[in-house]
C-alpha atoms as a PDB file:
ATOM      1  CA  MET A   1     -60.477-230.730  41.505  1.00  0.00           C
ATOM      2  CA  LEU A   2     -63.531-228.551  40.919  1.00  0.00           C
ATOM      3  CA  LYS A   3     -63.848-226.752  37.638  1.00  0.00           C
ATOM      4  CA  LYS A   4     -64.628-223.064  38.062  1.00  0.00           C
ATOM      5  CA  SER A   5     -67.721-221.875  36.303  1.00  0.00           C
ATOM      6  CA  PHE A   6     -67.380-218.608  34.450  1.00  0.00           C
ATOM      7  CA  ARG A   7     -69.767-216.243  32.760  1.00  0.00           C
ATOM      8  CA  SER A   8     -69.294-215.803  29.064  1.00  0.00           C
ATOM      9  CA  LYS A   9     -68.283-212.363  27.897  1.00  0.00           C
ATOM     10  CA  TYR A  10     -70.886-212.406  25.126  1.00  0.00           C
ATOM     11  CA  ARG A  11     -74.594-213.155  24.966  1.00  0.00           C
ATOM     12  CA  PRO A  12     -75.378-216.682  23.805  1.00  0.00           C
ATOM     13  CA  GLU A  13     -78.743-215.727  22.247  1.00  0.00           C
ATOM     14  CA  PHE A  14     -77.063-213.533  19.616  1.00  0.00           C
ATOM     15  CA  PRO A  15     -74.443-215.492  17.649  1.00  0.00           C
ATOM     16  CA  GLY A  16     -71.630-213.633  15.908  1.00  0.00           C
ATOM     17  CA  ASP A  17     -73.368-213.611  12.530  1.00  0.00           C
ATOM     18  CA  PHE A  18     -76.760-212.479  13.890  1.00  0.00           C
ATOM     19  CA  ASN A  19     -78.343-209.809  11.692  1.00  0.00           C
ATOM     20  CA  PHE A  20     -80.013-207.042  13.719  1.00  0.00           C
ATOM     21  CA  ASP A  21     -82.929-205.878  11.606  1.00  0.00           C
ATOM     22  CA  TYR A  22     -84.044-202.255  11.774  1.00  0.00           C
ATOM     23  CA  LYS A  23     -87.627-203.406  11.049  1.00  0.00           C
ATOM     24  CA  ASP A  24     -87.741-205.338  14.372  1.00  0.00           C
ATOM     25  CA  PRO A  25     -88.305-202.701  17.095  1.00  0.00           C
ATOM     26  CA  VAL A  26     -88.991-205.347  19.775  1.00  0.00           C
ATOM     27  CA  THR A  27     -85.440-206.715  19.588  1.00  0.00           C
ATOM     28  CA  LEU A  28     -83.891-203.263  19.213  1.00  0.00           C
ATOM     29  CA  SER A  29     -85.795-201.839  22.193  1.00  0.00           C
ATOM     30  CA  ARG A  30     -83.882-204.289  24.414  1.00  0.00           C
ATOM     31  CA  PHE A  31     -80.723-202.322  23.642  1.00  0.00           C
ATOM     32  CA  ILE A  32     -82.125-198.866  24.435  1.00  0.00           C
ATOM     33  CA  MET A  33     -82.247-197.302  27.908  1.00  0.00           C
ATOM     34  CA  GLU A  34     -85.350-195.580  29.253  1.00  0.00           C
ATOM     35  CA  SER A  35     -83.603-192.267  28.665  1.00  0.00           C
ATOM     36  CA  GLY A  36     -83.319-193.083  24.944  1.00  0.00           C
ATOM     37  CA  LYS A  37     -79.605-193.846  24.815  1.00  0.00           C
ATOM     38  CA  ILE A  38     -78.168-196.980  23.234  1.00  0.00           C
ATOM     39  CA  ILE A  39     -76.870-199.367  25.914  1.00  0.00           C
ATOM     40  CA  PRO A  40     -73.043-199.708  25.789  1.00  0.00           C
ATOM     41  CA  SER A  41     -71.485-203.035  24.830  1.00  0.00           C
ATOM     42  CA  ARG A  42     -69.973-203.616  28.275  1.00  0.00           C
ATOM     43  CA  ILE A  43     -73.510-203.720  29.679  1.00  0.00           C
ATOM     44  CA  SER A  44     -75.318-205.324  26.740  1.00  0.00           C
ATOM     45  CA  LYS A  45     -72.613-208.033  26.415  1.00  0.00           C
ATOM     46  CA  LEU A  46     -72.346-207.659  22.645  1.00  0.00           C
ATOM     47  CA  SER A  47     -69.144-207.834  20.649  1.00  0.00           C
ATOM     48  CA  MET A  48     -67.797-204.698  18.998  1.00  0.00           C
ATOM     49  CA  SER A  49     -69.086-205.663  15.550  1.00  0.00           C
ATOM     50  CA  GLN A  50     -72.505-206.572  16.970  1.00  0.00           C
ATOM     51  CA  GLN A  51     -72.652-203.270  18.863  1.00  0.00           C
ATOM     52  CA  ARG A  52     -71.961-201.367  15.635  1.00  0.00           C
ATOM     53  CA  LYS A  53     -74.735-203.318  13.873  1.00  0.00           C
ATOM     54  CA  VAL A  54     -77.190-202.615  16.712  1.00  0.00           C
ATOM     55  CA  ALA A  55     -76.324-198.907  16.743  1.00  0.00           C
ATOM     56  CA  ALA A  56     -76.783-198.644  12.976  1.00  0.00           C
ATOM     57  CA  ALA A  57     -80.105-200.516  13.131  1.00  0.00           C
ATOM     58  CA  VAL A  58     -81.356-198.305  15.985  1.00  0.00           C
ATOM     59  CA  ARG A  59     -80.403-195.138  14.107  1.00  0.00           C
ATOM     60  CA  LYS A  60     -82.158-196.377  10.973  1.00  0.00           C
ATOM     61  CA  ALA A  61     -85.280-197.398  12.945  1.00  0.00           C
ATOM     62  CA  ARG A  62     -85.369-193.978  14.616  1.00  0.00           C
ATOM     63  CA  SER A  63     -85.157-192.204  11.285  1.00  0.00           C
ATOM     64  CA  LEU A  64     -88.119-194.265  10.055  1.00  0.00           C
ATOM     65  CA  ALA A  65     -90.064-193.543  13.300  1.00  0.00           C
ATOM     66  CA  LEU A  66     -90.143-197.197  14.347  1.00  0.00           C
ATOM     67  CA  LEU A  67     -88.353-196.187  17.559  1.00  0.00           C
ATOM     68  CA  PRO A  68     -88.738-192.873  19.401  1.00  0.00           C
ATOM     69  CA  VAL A  69     -86.066-190.169  19.308  1.00  0.00           C
ATOM     70  CA  GLY A  70     -85.153-188.190  22.431  1.00  0.00           C
ATOM     71  CA  SER A  71     -85.687-188.754  26.138  1.00  0.00           C
ATOM     72  CA  GLU A  72     -89.082-187.032  26.434  1.00  0.00           C
ATOM     73  CA  ALA A  73     -90.449-189.260  23.667  1.00  0.00           C
ATOM     74  CA  TYR A  74     -89.853-192.350  25.818  1.00  0.00           C
ATOM     75  CA  ASP A  75     -92.378-191.111  28.388  1.00  0.00           C
ATOM     76  CA  LYS A  76     -95.176-190.993  25.826  1.00  0.00           C
ATOM     77  CA  PHE A  77     -94.084-193.757  23.437  1.00  0.00           C
ATOM     78  CA  ASP A  78     -95.566-197.243  24.030  1.00  0.00           C
ATOM     79  CA  LYS A  79     -93.321-200.280  23.990  1.00  0.00           C
ATOM     80  CA  ALA A  80     -93.403-202.161  20.707  1.00  0.00           C
ATOM     81  CA  GLU A  81     -95.580-205.249  20.887  1.00  0.00           C
ATOM     82  CA  PRO A  82     -94.341-208.515  19.449  1.00  0.00           C
ATOM     83  CA  VAL A  83     -96.191-209.368  16.244  1.00  0.00           C
ATOM     84  CA  SER A  84     -97.453-212.897  15.767  1.00  0.00           C
ATOM     85  CA  PRO A  85     -96.204-214.636  12.603  1.00  0.00           C
ATOM     86  CA  LYS A  86     -99.648-216.230  12.148  1.00  0.00           C
ATOM     87  CA  PRO A  87    -102.030-214.381   9.823  1.00  0.00           C
ATOM     88  CA  PHE A  88    -105.043-212.714  11.391  1.00  0.00           C
ATOM     89  CA  GLU A  89    -108.348-214.588  11.049  1.00  0.00           C
ATOM     90  CA  ILE A  90    -111.884-213.443  11.793  1.00  0.00           C
END
């Protein structure tokens, strides 16, 4: 008998104890729509506790101007670039 494959309800790349950091706008921008809204958990495939952590981190990052606030800001705001962990050398 064939075993049915199923899609997991949650994202495998974010374990349950993953700490969403407000100082990491690259990761947080994955959970924000182009209109500026936070993506709901049924679409982002995060658990309820993870969704609360993401929402709190996004709000904190917006208050510190690491992420834009409002829909018109997303037209003019550049996407955050990933920062290399290696130190810069000349």
